[in-house]
Amino acid sequence: MHELGVVLEVIKTVENFAKENKLTEVDTIVLQIGELSSMIPKYVEACYPAAVDGTMMEETKLQIEILPGNAICKECDNIFNLIKNNGECPNCCNKNYDLLGGKEFMIKEIIAY
């Protein structure tokens, strides 16, 4: 489970941001995870409590937004979800596409006081 290592890095990044900006308390961290990324949201949620244990982030909440894995068909320019359509354009049944999004993993927002 590589999620724990990545979440530990997120916690370090947010702690450094909080210290640099003299924030006394971080309430919520909002992550965006693409549905085509190598990160599995339920594993991120599962390891989060262990990652923040004993840190200044211990009382923070985690919010995850899932970003769709969308593509555009190179034949008909239809935009479609790769997962829901098994990598095939539902309009023309072509499997030749350009990826538009879905591999992201980023800190979208830090809600602090």
PDB file of N, CA and C in Angstrom:
ATOM      1  N   MET A   1       0.849  -1.171   0.000  1.00  0.00           N
ATOM      2  CA  MET A   1       0.000   0.000   0.000  1.00  0.00           C
ATOM      3  C   MET A   1       0.900   1.242   0.000  1.00  0.00           C
ATOM      4  N   HIS A   2       1.103   1.817  -1.165  1.00  0.00           N
ATOM      5  CA  HIS A   2       1.935   3.007  -1.293  1.00  0.00           C
ATOM      6  C   HIS A   2       1.216   4.269  -0.830  1.00  0.00           C
ATOM      7  N   GLU A   3      -0.079   4.170  -0.599  1.00  0.00           N
ATOM      8  CA  GLU A   3      -0.856   5.335  -0.171  1.00  0.00           C
ATOM      9  C   GLU A   3      -0.322   5.930   1.128  1.00  0.00           C
ATOM     10  N   LEU A   4       0.101   5.099   2.069  1.00  0.00           N
ATOM     11  CA  LEU A   4       0.583   5.616   3.348  1.00  0.00           C
ATOM     12  C   LEU A   4       1.779   6.542   3.153  1.00  0.00           C
ATOM     13  N   GLY A   5       2.740   6.148   2.351  1.00  0.00           N
ATOM     14  CA  GLY A   5       3.904   6.991   2.092  1.00  0.00           C
ATOM     15  C   GLY A   5       3.523   8.313   1.454  1.00  0.00           C
ATOM     16  N   VAL A   6       2.593   8.273   0.536  1.00  0.00           N
ATOM     17  CA  VAL A   6       2.147   9.501  -0.136  1.00  0.00           C
ATOM     18  C   VAL A   6       1.400  10.396   0.852  1.00  0.00           C
ATOM     19  N   VAL A   7       0.537   9.810   1.674  1.00  0.00           N
ATOM     20  CA  VAL A   7      -0.212  10.604   2.658  1.00  0.00           C
ATOM     21  C   VAL A   7       0.743  11.219   3.684  1.00  0.00           C
ATOM     22  N   LEU A   8       1.785  10.500   4.072  1.00  0.00           N
ATOM     23  CA  LEU A   8       2.785  11.065   4.984  1.00  0.00           C
ATOM     24  C   LEU A   8       3.447  12.297   4.371  1.00  0.00           C
ATOM     25  N   GLU A   9       3.723  12.242   3.070  1.00  0.00           N
ATOM     26  CA  GLU A   9       4.297  13.407   2.377  1.00  0.00           C
ATOM     27  C   GLU A   9       3.309  14.563   2.312  1.00  0.00           C
ATOM     28  N   VAL A  10       2.031  14.262   2.119  1.00  0.00           N
ATOM     29  CA  VAL A  10       0.999  15.306   2.121  1.00  0.00           C
ATOM     30  C   VAL A  10       0.974  15.986   3.487  1.00  0.00           C
ATOM     31  N   ILE A  11       1.021  15.194   4.553  1.00  0.00           N
ATOM     32  CA  ILE A  11       0.995  15.747   5.910  1.00  0.00           C
ATOM     33  C   ILE A  11       2.207  16.650   6.137  1.00  0.00           C
ATOM     34  N   LYS A  12       3.387  16.207   5.710  1.00  0.00           N
ATOM     35  CA  LYS A  12       4.595  17.039   5.842  1.00  0.00           C
ATOM     36  C   LYS A  12       4.445  18.357   5.089  1.00  0.00           C
ATOM     37  N   THR A  13       3.915  18.271   3.880  1.00  0.00           N
ATOM     38  CA  THR A  13       3.726  19.463   3.056  1.00  0.00           C
ATOM     39  C   THR A  13       2.767  20.446   3.721  1.00  0.00           C
ATOM     40  N   VAL A  14       1.656  19.940   4.241  1.00  0.00           N
ATOM     41  CA  VAL A  14       0.665  20.804   4.888  1.00  0.00           C
ATOM     42  C   VAL A  14       1.224  21.380   6.186  1.00  0.00           C
ATOM     43  N   GLU A  15       1.955  20.580   6.951  1.00  0.00           N
ATOM     44  CA  GLU A  15       2.574  21.096   8.183  1.00  0.00           C
ATOM     45  C   GLU A  15       3.554  22.219   7.871  1.00  0.00           C
ATOM     46  N   ASN A  16       4.377  22.028   6.858  1.00  0.00           N
ATOM     47  CA  ASN A  16       5.328  23.074   6.465  1.00  0.00           C
ATOM     48  C   ASN A  16       4.603  24.342   6.023  1.00  0.00           C
ATOM     49  N   PHE A  17       3.535  24.172   5.242  1.00  0.00           N
ATOM     50  CA  PHE A  17       2.737  25.321   4.809  1.00  0.00           C
ATOM     51  C   PHE A  17       2.160  26.057   6.021  1.00  0.00           C
ATOM     52  N   ALA A  18       1.632  25.289   6.978  1.00  0.00           N
ATOM     53  CA  ALA A  18       1.031  25.885   8.176  1.00  0.00           C
ATOM     54  C   ALA A  18       2.074  26.671   8.977  1.00  0.00           C
ATOM     55  N   LYS A  19       3.246  26.085   9.148  1.00  0.00           N
ATOM     56  CA  LYS A  19       4.306  26.767   9.906  1.00  0.00           C
ATOM     57  C   LYS A  19       4.781  28.027   9.184  1.00  0.00           C
ATOM     58  N   GLU A  20       5.006  27.940   7.885  1.00  0.00           N
ATOM     59  CA  GLU A  20       5.471  29.088   7.106  1.00  0.00           C
ATOM     60  C   GLU A  20       4.471  30.237   7.118  1.00  0.00           C
ATOM     61  N   ASN A  21       3.188  29.898   7.227  1.00  0.00           N
ATOM     62  CA  ASN A  21       2.137  30.914   7.194  1.00  0.00           C
ATOM     63  C   ASN A  21       1.555  31.218   8.576  1.00  0.00           C
ATOM     64  N   LYS A  22       2.238  30.708   9.616  1.00  0.00           N
ATOM     65  CA  LYS A  22       1.868  30.962  11.010  1.00  0.00           C
ATOM     66  C   LYS A  22       0.414  30.605  11.313  1.00  0.00           C
ATOM     67  N   LEU A  23      -0.030  29.480  10.770  1.00  0.00           N
ATOM     68  CA  LEU A  23      -1.375  28.988  11.049  1.00  0.00           C
ATOM     69  C   LEU A  23      -1.342  28.197  12.352  1.00  0.00           C
ATOM     70  N   THR A  24      -2.290  28.448  13.210  1.00  0.00           N
ATOM     71  CA  THR A  24      -2.296  27.753  14.498  1.00  0.00           C
ATOM     72  C   THR A  24      -3.069  26.437  14.460  1.00  0.00           C
ATOM     73  N   GLU A  25      -4.004  26.339  13.531  1.00  0.00           N
ATOM     74  CA  GLU A  25      -4.805  25.115  13.462  1.00  0.00           C
ATOM     75  C   GLU A  25      -5.274  24.871  12.027  1.00  0.00           C
ATOM     76  N   VAL A  26      -5.097  23.639  11.574  1.00  0.00           N
ATOM     77  CA  VAL A  26      -5.621  23.227  10.275  1.00  0.00           C
ATOM     78  C   VAL A  26      -6.858  22.387  10.547  1.00  0.00           C
ATOM     79  N   ASP A  27      -7.975  22.778   9.970  1.00  0.00           N
ATOM     80  CA  ASP A  27      -9.233  22.068  10.199  1.00  0.00           C
ATOM     81  C   ASP A  27      -9.440  20.928   9.209  1.00  0.00           C
ATOM     82  N   THR A  28      -9.228  21.210   7.917  1.00  0.00           N
ATOM     83  CA  THR A  28      -9.543  20.234   6.871  1.00  0.00           C
ATOM     84  C   THR A  28      -8.516  20.300   5.746  1.00  0.00           C
ATOM     85  N   ILE A  29      -8.177  19.136   5.227  1.00  0.00           N
ATOM     86  CA  ILE A  29      -7.354  19.036   4.024  1.00  0.00           C
ATOM     87  C   ILE A  29      -8.244  18.455   2.937  1.00  0.00           C
ATOM     88  N   VAL A  30      -8.284  19.121   1.789  1.00  0.00           N
ATOM     89  CA  VAL A  30      -9.079  18.639   0.661  1.00  0.00           C
ATOM     90  C   VAL A  30      -8.111  18.131  -0.409  1.00  0.00           C
ATOM     91  N   LEU A  31      -8.238  16.849  -0.737  1.00  0.00           N
ATOM     92  CA  LEU A  31      -7.418  16.240  -1.783  1.00  0.00           C
ATOM     93  C   LEU A  31      -8.273  15.971  -3.006  1.00  0.00           C
ATOM     94  N   GLN A  32      -7.673  16.134  -4.178  1.00  0.00           N
ATOM     95  CA  GLN A  32      -8.320  15.722  -5.415  1.00  0.00           C
ATOM     96  C   GLN A  32      -7.559  14.498  -5.931  1.00  0.00           C
ATOM     97  N   ILE A  33      -8.309  13.433  -6.198  1.00  0.00           N
ATOM     98  CA  ILE A  33      -7.714  12.194  -6.672  1.00  0.00           C
ATOM     99  C   ILE A  33      -8.427  11.787  -7.963  1.00  0.00           C
ATOM    100  N   GLY A  34      -7.667  11.658  -9.031  1.00  0.00           N
ATOM    101  CA  GLY A  34      -8.231  11.221 -10.302  1.00  0.00           C
ATOM    102  C   GLY A  34      -8.560   9.738 -10.262  1.00  0.00           C
ATOM    103  N   GLU A  35      -9.653   9.376 -10.896  1.00  0.00           N
ATOM    104  CA  GLU A  35     -10.057   7.969 -10.854  1.00  0.00           C
ATOM    105  C   GLU A  35      -9.136   7.072 -11.673  1.00  0.00           C
ATOM    106  N   LEU A  36      -8.211   7.642 -12.420  1.00  0.00           N
ATOM    107  CA  LEU A  36      -7.224   6.855 -13.155  1.00  0.00           C
ATOM    108  C   LEU A  36      -5.843   6.906 -12.499  1.00  0.00           C
ATOM    109  N   SER A  37      -5.741   7.595 -11.356  1.00  0.00           N
ATOM    110  CA  SER A  37      -4.450   7.694 -10.673  1.00  0.00           C
ATOM    111  C   SER A  37      -4.147   6.366  -9.983  1.00  0.00           C
ATOM    112  N   SER A  38      -2.941   6.247  -9.502  1.00  0.00           N
ATOM    113  CA  SER A  38      -2.558   5.019  -8.807  1.00  0.00           C
ATOM    114  C   SER A  38      -2.981   5.040  -7.345  1.00  0.00           C
ATOM    115  N   MET A  39      -3.602   6.117  -6.910  1.00  0.00           N
ATOM    116  CA  MET A  39      -4.050   6.251  -5.523  1.00  0.00           C
ATOM    117  C   MET A  39      -5.499   5.783  -5.394  1.00  0.00           C
ATOM    118  N   ILE A  40      -5.741   4.954  -4.397  1.00  0.00           N
ATOM    119  CA  ILE A  40      -7.090   4.442  -4.167  1.00  0.00           C
ATOM    120  C   ILE A  40      -7.692   5.204  -2.987  1.00  0.00           C
ATOM    121  N   PRO A  41      -8.754   5.991  -3.248  1.00  0.00           N
ATOM    122  CA  PRO A  41      -9.312   6.863  -2.206  1.00  0.00           C
ATOM    123  C   PRO A  41      -9.628   6.162  -0.888  1.00  0.00           C
ATOM    124  N   LYS A  42     -10.201   4.969  -0.921  1.00  0.00           N
ATOM    125  CA  LYS A  42     -10.550   4.313   0.344  1.00  0.00           C
ATOM    126  C   LYS A  42      -9.301   3.922   1.132  1.00  0.00           C
ATOM    127  N   TYR A  43      -8.187   3.653   0.453  1.00  0.00           N
ATOM    128  CA  TYR A  43      -6.934   3.362   1.148  1.00  0.00           C
ATOM    129  C   TYR A  43      -6.333   4.644   1.724  1.00  0.00           C
ATOM    130  N   VAL A  44      -6.470   5.756   1.000  1.00  0.00           N
ATOM    131  CA  VAL A  44      -6.010   7.052   1.510  1.00  0.00           C
ATOM    132  C   VAL A  44      -6.767   7.378   2.791  1.00  0.00           C
ATOM    133  N   GLU A  45      -8.081   7.201   2.765  1.00  0.00           N
ATOM    134  CA  GLU A  45      -8.901   7.455   3.965  1.00  0.00           C
ATOM    135  C   GLU A  45      -8.527   6.524   5.108  1.00  0.00           C
ATOM    136  N   ALA A  46      -8.250   5.266   4.782  1.00  0.00           N
ATOM    137  CA  ALA A  46      -7.925   4.282   5.816  1.00  0.00           C
ATOM    138  C   ALA A  46      -6.594   4.574   6.506  1.00  0.00           C
ATOM    139  N   CYS A  47      -5.604   5.055   5.765  1.00  0.00           N
ATOM    140  CA  CYS A  47      -4.291   5.286   6.371  1.00  0.00           C
ATOM    141  C   CYS A  47      -4.135   6.695   6.933  1.00  0.00           C
ATOM    142  N   TYR A  48      -5.071   7.584   6.656  1.00  0.00           N
ATOM    143  CA  TYR A  48      -4.974   8.968   7.122  1.00  0.00           C
ATOM    144  C   TYR A  48      -4.833   9.078   8.647  1.00  0.00           C
ATOM    145  N   PRO A  49      -5.667   8.381   9.434  1.00  0.00           N
ATOM    146  CA  PRO A  49      -5.515   8.501  10.895  1.00  0.00           C
ATOM    147  C   PRO A  49      -4.113   8.117  11.392  1.00  0.00           C
ATOM    148  N   ALA A  50      -3.524   7.103  10.824  1.00  0.00           N
ATOM    149  CA  ALA A  50      -2.171   6.692  11.225  1.00  0.00           C
ATOM    150  C   ALA A  50      -1.143   7.737  10.798  1.00  0.00           C
ATOM    151  N   ALA A  51      -1.347   8.356   9.653  1.00  0.00           N
ATOM    152  CA  ALA A  51      -0.399   9.349   9.140  1.00  0.00           C
ATOM    153  C   ALA A  51      -0.388  10.619   9.986  1.00  0.00           C
ATOM    154  N   VAL A  52      -1.524  11.013  10.538  1.00  0.00           N
ATOM    155  CA  VAL A  52      -1.594  12.248  11.324  1.00  0.00           C
ATOM    156  C   VAL A  52      -1.394  12.013  12.821  1.00  0.00           C
ATOM    157  N   ASP A  53      -1.370  10.776  13.250  1.00  0.00           N
ATOM    158  CA  ASP A  53      -1.220  10.449  14.669  1.00  0.00           C
ATOM    159  C   ASP A  53       0.074  11.052  15.229  1.00  0.00           C
ATOM    160  N   GLY A  54      -0.056  11.829  16.294  1.00  0.00           N
ATOM    161  CA  GLY A  54       1.097  12.423  16.946  1.00  0.00           C
ATOM    162  C   GLY A  54       1.644  13.671  16.269  1.00  0.00           C
ATOM    163  N   THR A  55       0.944  14.186  15.265  1.00  0.00           N
ATOM    164  CA  THR A  55       1.390  15.391  14.568  1.00  0.00           C
ATOM    165  C   THR A  55       0.450  16.548  14.906  1.00  0.00           C
ATOM    166  N   MET A  56       0.821  17.742  14.469  1.00  0.00           N
ATOM    167  CA  MET A  56      -0.069  18.894  14.667  1.00  0.00           C
ATOM    168  C   MET A  56      -1.347  18.755  13.842  1.00  0.00           C
ATOM    169  N   MET A  57      -1.377  17.786  12.957  1.00  0.00           N
ATOM    170  CA  MET A  57      -2.523  17.561  12.077  1.00  0.00           C
ATOM    171  C   MET A  57      -3.506  16.524  12.635  1.00  0.00           C
ATOM    172  N   GLU A  58      -3.238  16.064  13.846  1.00  0.00           N
ATOM    173  CA  GLU A  58      -3.992  14.946  14.412  1.00  0.00           C
ATOM    174  C   GLU A  58      -5.506  15.150  14.412  1.00  0.00           C
ATOM    175  N   GLU A  59      -5.967  16.359  14.602  1.00  0.00           N
ATOM    176  CA  GLU A  59      -7.415  16.630  14.682  1.00  0.00           C
ATOM    177  C   GLU A  59      -8.019  17.073  13.345  1.00  0.00           C
ATOM    178  N   THR A  60      -7.240  17.049  12.277  1.00  0.00           N
ATOM    179  CA  THR A  60      -7.756  17.520  10.989  1.00  0.00           C
ATOM    180  C   THR A  60      -8.698  16.513  10.358  1.00  0.00           C
ATOM    181  N   LYS A  61      -9.560  17.045   9.523  1.00  0.00           N
ATOM    182  CA  LYS A  61     -10.462  16.197   8.742  1.00  0.00           C
ATOM    183  C   LYS A  61      -9.898  16.079   7.326  1.00  0.00           C
ATOM    184  N   LEU A  62     -10.199  14.980   6.699  1.00  0.00           N
ATOM    185  CA  LEU A  62      -9.785  14.731   5.319  1.00  0.00           C
ATOM    186  C   LEU A  62     -11.023  14.711   4.443  1.00  0.00           C
ATOM    187  N   GLN A  63     -10.959  15.445   3.351  1.00  0.00           N
ATOM    188  CA  GLN A  63     -12.043  15.437   2.364  1.00  0.00           C
ATOM    189  C   GLN A  63     -11.414  15.059   1.026  1.00  0.00           C
ATOM    190  N   ILE A  64     -12.044  14.145   0.324  1.00  0.00           N
ATOM    191  CA  ILE A  64     -11.516  13.687  -0.961  1.00  0.00           C
ATOM    192  C   ILE A  64     -12.537  13.968  -2.058  1.00  0.00           C
ATOM    193  N   GLU A  65     -12.059  14.578  -3.140  1.00  0.00           N
ATOM    194  CA  GLU A  65     -12.875  14.794  -4.334  1.00  0.00           C
ATOM    195  C   GLU A  65     -12.314  13.894  -5.431  1.00  0.00           C
ATOM    196  N   ILE A  66     -13.181  13.118  -6.047  1.00  0.00           N
ATOM    197  CA  ILE A  66     -12.771  12.219  -7.123  1.00  0.00           C
ATOM    198  C   ILE A  66     -12.940  12.965  -8.457  1.00  0.00           C
ATOM    199  N   LEU A  67     -11.858  12.996  -9.233  1.00  0.00           N
ATOM    200  CA  LEU A  67     -11.908  13.630 -10.553  1.00  0.00           C
ATOM    201  C   LEU A  67     -12.091  12.556 -11.622  1.00  0.00           C
ATOM    202  N   PRO A  68     -12.992  12.782 -12.559  1.00  0.00           N
ATOM    203  CA  PRO A  68     -13.290  11.751 -13.560  1.00  0.00           C
ATOM    204  C   PRO A  68     -12.145  11.512 -14.538  1.00  0.00           C
ATOM    205  N   GLY A  69     -12.056  10.286 -14.991  1.00  0.00           N
ATOM    206  CA  GLY A  69     -11.081   9.900 -16.016  1.00  0.00           C
ATOM    207  C   GLY A  69     -11.696  10.087 -17.385  1.00  0.00           C
ATOM    208  N   ASN A  70     -11.620  11.297 -17.905  1.00  0.00           N
ATOM    209  CA  ASN A  70     -12.247  11.620 -19.182  1.00  0.00           C
ATOM    210  C   ASN A  70     -11.243  11.651 -20.326  1.00  0.00           C
ATOM    211  N   ALA A  71     -11.751  11.360 -21.494  1.00  0.00           N
ATOM    212  CA  ALA A  71     -10.944  11.375 -22.716  1.00  0.00           C
ATOM    213  C   ALA A  71     -11.767  11.994 -23.835  1.00  0.00           C
ATOM    214  N   ILE A  72     -11.057  12.380 -24.898  1.00  0.00           N
ATOM    215  CA  ILE A  72     -11.737  12.876 -26.098  1.00  0.00           C
ATOM    216  C   ILE A  72     -11.383  11.941 -27.248  1.00  0.00           C
ATOM    217  N   CYS A  73     -12.390  11.496 -27.946  1.00  0.00           N
ATOM    218  CA  CYS A  73     -12.202  10.577 -29.069  1.00  0.00           C
ATOM    219  C   CYS A  73     -11.490  11.298 -30.213  1.00  0.00           C
ATOM    220  N   LYS A  74     -10.478  10.650 -30.771  1.00  0.00           N
ATOM    221  CA  LYS A  74      -9.734  11.254 -31.886  1.00  0.00           C
ATOM    222  C   LYS A  74     -10.501  11.188 -33.206  1.00  0.00           C
ATOM    223  N   GLU A  75     -11.533  10.377 -33.259  1.00  0.00           N
ATOM    224  CA  GLU A  75     -12.314  10.240 -34.492  1.00  0.00           C
ATOM    225  C   GLU A  75     -13.504  11.197 -34.544  1.00  0.00           C
ATOM    226  N   CYS A  76     -14.266  11.274 -33.435  1.00  0.00           N
ATOM    227  CA  CYS A  76     -15.511  12.055 -33.489  1.00  0.00           C
ATOM    228  C   CYS A  76     -15.548  13.224 -32.490  1.00  0.00           C
ATOM    229  N   ASP A  77     -14.466  13.435 -31.740  1.00  0.00           N
ATOM    230  CA  ASP A  77     -14.358  14.518 -30.758  1.00  0.00           C
ATOM    231  C   ASP A  77     -15.348  14.416 -29.603  1.00  0.00           C
ATOM    232  N   ASN A  78     -15.901  13.247 -29.379  1.00  0.00           N
ATOM    233  CA  ASN A  78     -16.801  13.036 -28.250  1.00  0.00           C
ATOM    234  C   ASN A  78     -15.975  12.932 -26.964  1.00  0.00           C
ATOM    235  N   ILE A  79     -16.426  13.601 -25.910  1.00  0.00           N
ATOM    236  CA  ILE A  79     -15.786  13.492 -24.603  1.00  0.00           C
ATOM    237  C   ILE A  79     -16.537  12.436 -23.802  1.00  0.00           C
ATOM    238  N   PHE A  80     -15.781  11.493 -23.214  1.00  0.00           N
ATOM    239  CA  PHE A  80     -16.421  10.391 -22.508  1.00  0.00           C
ATOM    240  C   PHE A  80     -15.569   9.938 -21.329  1.00  0.00           C
ATOM    241  N   ASN A  81     -16.199   9.216 -20.401  1.00  0.00           N
ATOM    242  CA  ASN A  81     -15.506   8.669 -19.242  1.00  0.00           C
ATOM    243  C   ASN A  81     -14.924   7.311 -19.619  1.00  0.00           C
ATOM    244  N   LEU A  82     -13.616   7.173 -19.433  1.00  0.00           N
ATOM    245  CA  LEU A  82     -12.925   5.937 -19.826  1.00  0.00           C
ATOM    246  C   LEU A  82     -13.385   4.719 -19.035  1.00  0.00           C
ATOM    247  N   ILE A  83     -13.579   4.895 -17.748  1.00  0.00           N
ATOM    248  CA  ILE A  83     -13.956   3.747 -16.912  1.00  0.00           C
ATOM    249  C   ILE A  83     -15.372   3.279 -17.231  1.00  0.00           C
ATOM    250  N   LYS A  84     -16.305   4.211 -17.275  1.00  0.00           N
ATOM    251  CA  LYS A  84     -17.702   3.839 -17.542  1.00  0.00           C
ATOM    252  C   LYS A  84     -17.886   3.230 -18.927  1.00  0.00           C
ATOM    253  N   ASN A  85     -16.989   3.569 -19.851  1.00  0.00           N
ATOM    254  CA  ASN A  85     -17.129   3.095 -21.230  1.00  0.00           C
ATOM    255  C   ASN A  85     -16.032   2.111 -21.641  1.00  0.00           C
ATOM    256  N   ASN A  86     -15.332   1.560 -20.661  1.00  0.00           N
ATOM    257  CA  ASN A  86     -14.293   0.551 -20.909  1.00  0.00           C
ATOM    258  C   ASN A  86     -13.277   0.982 -21.963  1.00  0.00           C
ATOM    259  N   GLY A  87     -12.910   2.268 -21.929  1.00  0.00           N
ATOM    260  CA  GLY A  87     -11.883   2.777 -22.839  1.00  0.00           C
ATOM    261  C   GLY A  87     -12.317   2.887 -24.291  1.00  0.00           C
ATOM    262  N   GLU A  88     -13.626   2.900 -24.509  1.00  0.00           N
ATOM    263  CA  GLU A  88     -14.143   2.959 -25.878  1.00  0.00           C
ATOM    264  C   GLU A  88     -15.155   4.088 -25.998  1.00  0.00           C
ATOM    265  N   CYS A  89     -15.050   4.861 -27.048  1.00  0.00           N
ATOM    266  CA  CYS A  89     -15.984   5.958 -27.283  1.00  0.00           C
ATOM    267  C   CYS A  89     -17.399   5.392 -27.452  1.00  0.00           C
ATOM    268  N   PRO A  90     -18.340   5.857 -26.641  1.00  0.00           N
ATOM    269  CA  PRO A  90     -19.710   5.354 -26.765  1.00  0.00           C
ATOM    270  C   PRO A  90     -20.418   5.855 -28.024  1.00  0.00           C
ATOM    271  N   ASN A  91     -19.850   6.863 -28.667  1.00  0.00           N
ATOM    272  CA  ASN A  91     -20.457   7.439 -29.858  1.00  0.00           C
ATOM    273  C   ASN A  91     -20.093   6.660 -31.128  1.00  0.00           C
ATOM    274  N   CYS A  92     -18.790   6.316 -31.261  1.00  0.00           N
ATOM    275  CA  CYS A  92     -18.350   5.668 -32.506  1.00  0.00           C
ATOM    276  C   CYS A  92     -17.597   4.344 -32.277  1.00  0.00           C
ATOM    277  N   CYS A  93     -17.498   3.921 -31.020  1.00  0.00           N
ATOM    278  CA  CYS A  93     -16.847   2.653 -30.634  1.00  0.00           C
ATOM    279  C   CYS A  93     -15.337   2.620 -30.913  1.00  0.00           C
ATOM    280  N   ASN A  94     -14.730   3.766 -31.101  1.00  0.00           N
ATOM    281  CA  ASN A  94     -13.293   3.852 -31.346  1.00  0.00           C
ATOM    282  C   ASN A  94     -12.542   3.805 -30.015  1.00  0.00           C
ATOM    283  N   LYS A  95     -11.355   3.216 -30.033  1.00  0.00           N
ATOM    284  CA  LYS A  95     -10.515   3.165 -28.837  1.00  0.00           C
ATOM    285  C   LYS A  95      -9.288   4.068 -28.981  1.00  0.00           C
ATOM    286  N   ASN A  96      -9.361   5.000 -29.889  1.00  0.00           N
ATOM    287  CA  ASN A  96      -8.275   5.936 -30.138  1.00  0.00           C
ATOM    288  C   ASN A  96      -8.682   7.282 -29.540  1.00  0.00           C
ATOM    289  N   TYR A  97      -8.024   7.669 -28.428  1.00  0.00           N
ATOM    290  CA  TYR A  97      -8.438   8.863 -27.700  1.00  0.00           C
ATOM    291  C   TYR A  97      -7.238   9.581 -27.094  1.00  0.00           C
ATOM    292  N   ASP A  98      -7.477  10.822 -26.672  1.00  0.00           N
ATOM    293  CA  ASP A  98      -6.510  11.594 -25.891  1.00  0.00           C
ATOM    294  C   ASP A  98      -7.084  11.758 -24.489  1.00  0.00           C
ATOM    295  N   LEU A  99      -6.255  11.520 -23.503  1.00  0.00           N
ATOM    296  CA  LEU A  99      -6.665  11.655 -22.118  1.00  0.00           C
ATOM    297  C   LEU A  99      -6.821  13.131 -21.758  1.00  0.00           C
ATOM    298  N   LEU A 100      -7.944  13.473 -21.130  1.00  0.00           N
ATOM    299  CA  LEU A 100      -8.188  14.851 -20.697  1.00  0.00           C
ATOM    300  C   LEU A 100      -7.914  15.034 -19.210  1.00  0.00           C
ATOM    301  N   GLY A 101      -8.123  14.012 -18.426  1.00  0.00           N
ATOM    302  CA  GLY A 101      -7.921  14.118 -16.983  1.00  0.00           C
ATOM    303  C   GLY A 101      -8.256  12.832 -16.284  1.00  0.00           C
ATOM    304  N   GLY A 102      -7.853  12.772 -15.022  1.00  0.00           N
ATOM    305  CA  GLY A 102      -8.175  11.604 -14.217  1.00  0.00           C
ATOM    306  C   GLY A 102      -6.964  10.977 -13.549  1.00  0.00           C
ATOM    307  N   LYS A 103      -5.763  11.463 -13.852  1.00  0.00           N
ATOM    308  CA  LYS A 103      -4.561  10.923 -13.223  1.00  0.00           C
ATOM    309  C   LYS A 103      -4.042  11.830 -12.101  1.00  0.00           C
ATOM    310  N   GLU A 104      -4.806  12.860 -11.770  1.00  0.00           N
ATOM    311  CA  GLU A 104      -4.364  13.849 -10.796  1.00  0.00           C
ATOM    312  C   GLU A 104      -4.327  13.290  -9.373  1.00  0.00           C
ATOM    313  N   PHE A 105      -3.422  13.848  -8.596  1.00  0.00           N
ATOM    314  CA  PHE A 105      -3.407  13.687  -7.138  1.00  0.00           C
ATOM    315  C   PHE A 105      -2.824  14.976  -6.600  1.00  0.00           C
ATOM    316  N   MET A 106      -3.653  15.780  -5.940  1.00  0.00           N
ATOM    317  CA  MET A 106      -3.157  17.073  -5.484  1.00  0.00           C
ATOM    318  C   MET A 106      -3.890  17.543  -4.231  1.00  0.00           C
ATOM    319  N   ILE A 107      -3.206  18.417  -3.516  1.00  0.00           N
ATOM    320  CA  ILE A 107      -3.839  19.099  -2.397  1.00  0.00           C
ATOM    321  C   ILE A 107      -4.598  20.273  -3.003  1.00  0.00           C
ATOM    322  N   LYS A 108      -5.910  20.223  -2.911  1.00  0.00           N
ATOM    323  CA  LYS A 108      -6.719  21.292  -3.500  1.00  0.00           C
ATOM    324  C   LYS A 108      -6.858  22.470  -2.538  1.00  0.00           C
ATOM    325  N   GLU A 109      -7.028  22.144  -1.249  1.00  0.00           N
ATOM    326  CA  GLU A 109      -7.353  23.202  -0.306  1.00  0.00           C
ATOM    327  C   GLU A 109      -6.901  22.819   1.100  1.00  0.00           C
ATOM    328  N   ILE A 110      -6.463  23.822   1.840  1.00  0.00           N
ATOM    329  CA  ILE A 110      -6.144  23.660   3.248  1.00  0.00           C
ATOM    330  C   ILE A 110      -7.026  24.662   3.987  1.00  0.00           C
ATOM    331  N   ILE A 111      -7.939  24.153   4.775  1.00  0.00           N
ATOM    332  CA  ILE A 111      -8.847  25.026   5.523  1.00  0.00           C
ATOM    333  C   ILE A 111      -8.260  25.176   6.928  1.00  0.00           C
ATOM    334  N   ALA A 112      -7.900  26.409   7.261  1.00  0.00           N
ATOM    335  CA  ALA A 112      -7.197  26.644   8.520  1.00  0.00           C
ATOM    336  C   ALA A 112      -7.714  27.891   9.199  1.00  0.00           C
ATOM    337  N   TYR A 113      -7.280  28.050  10.438  1.00  0.00           N
ATOM    338  CA  TYR A 113      -7.645  29.223  11.249  1.00  0.00           C
ATOM    339  C   TYR A 113      -6.414  30.000  11.630  1.00  0.00           C
TER     340      TYR A 113
END
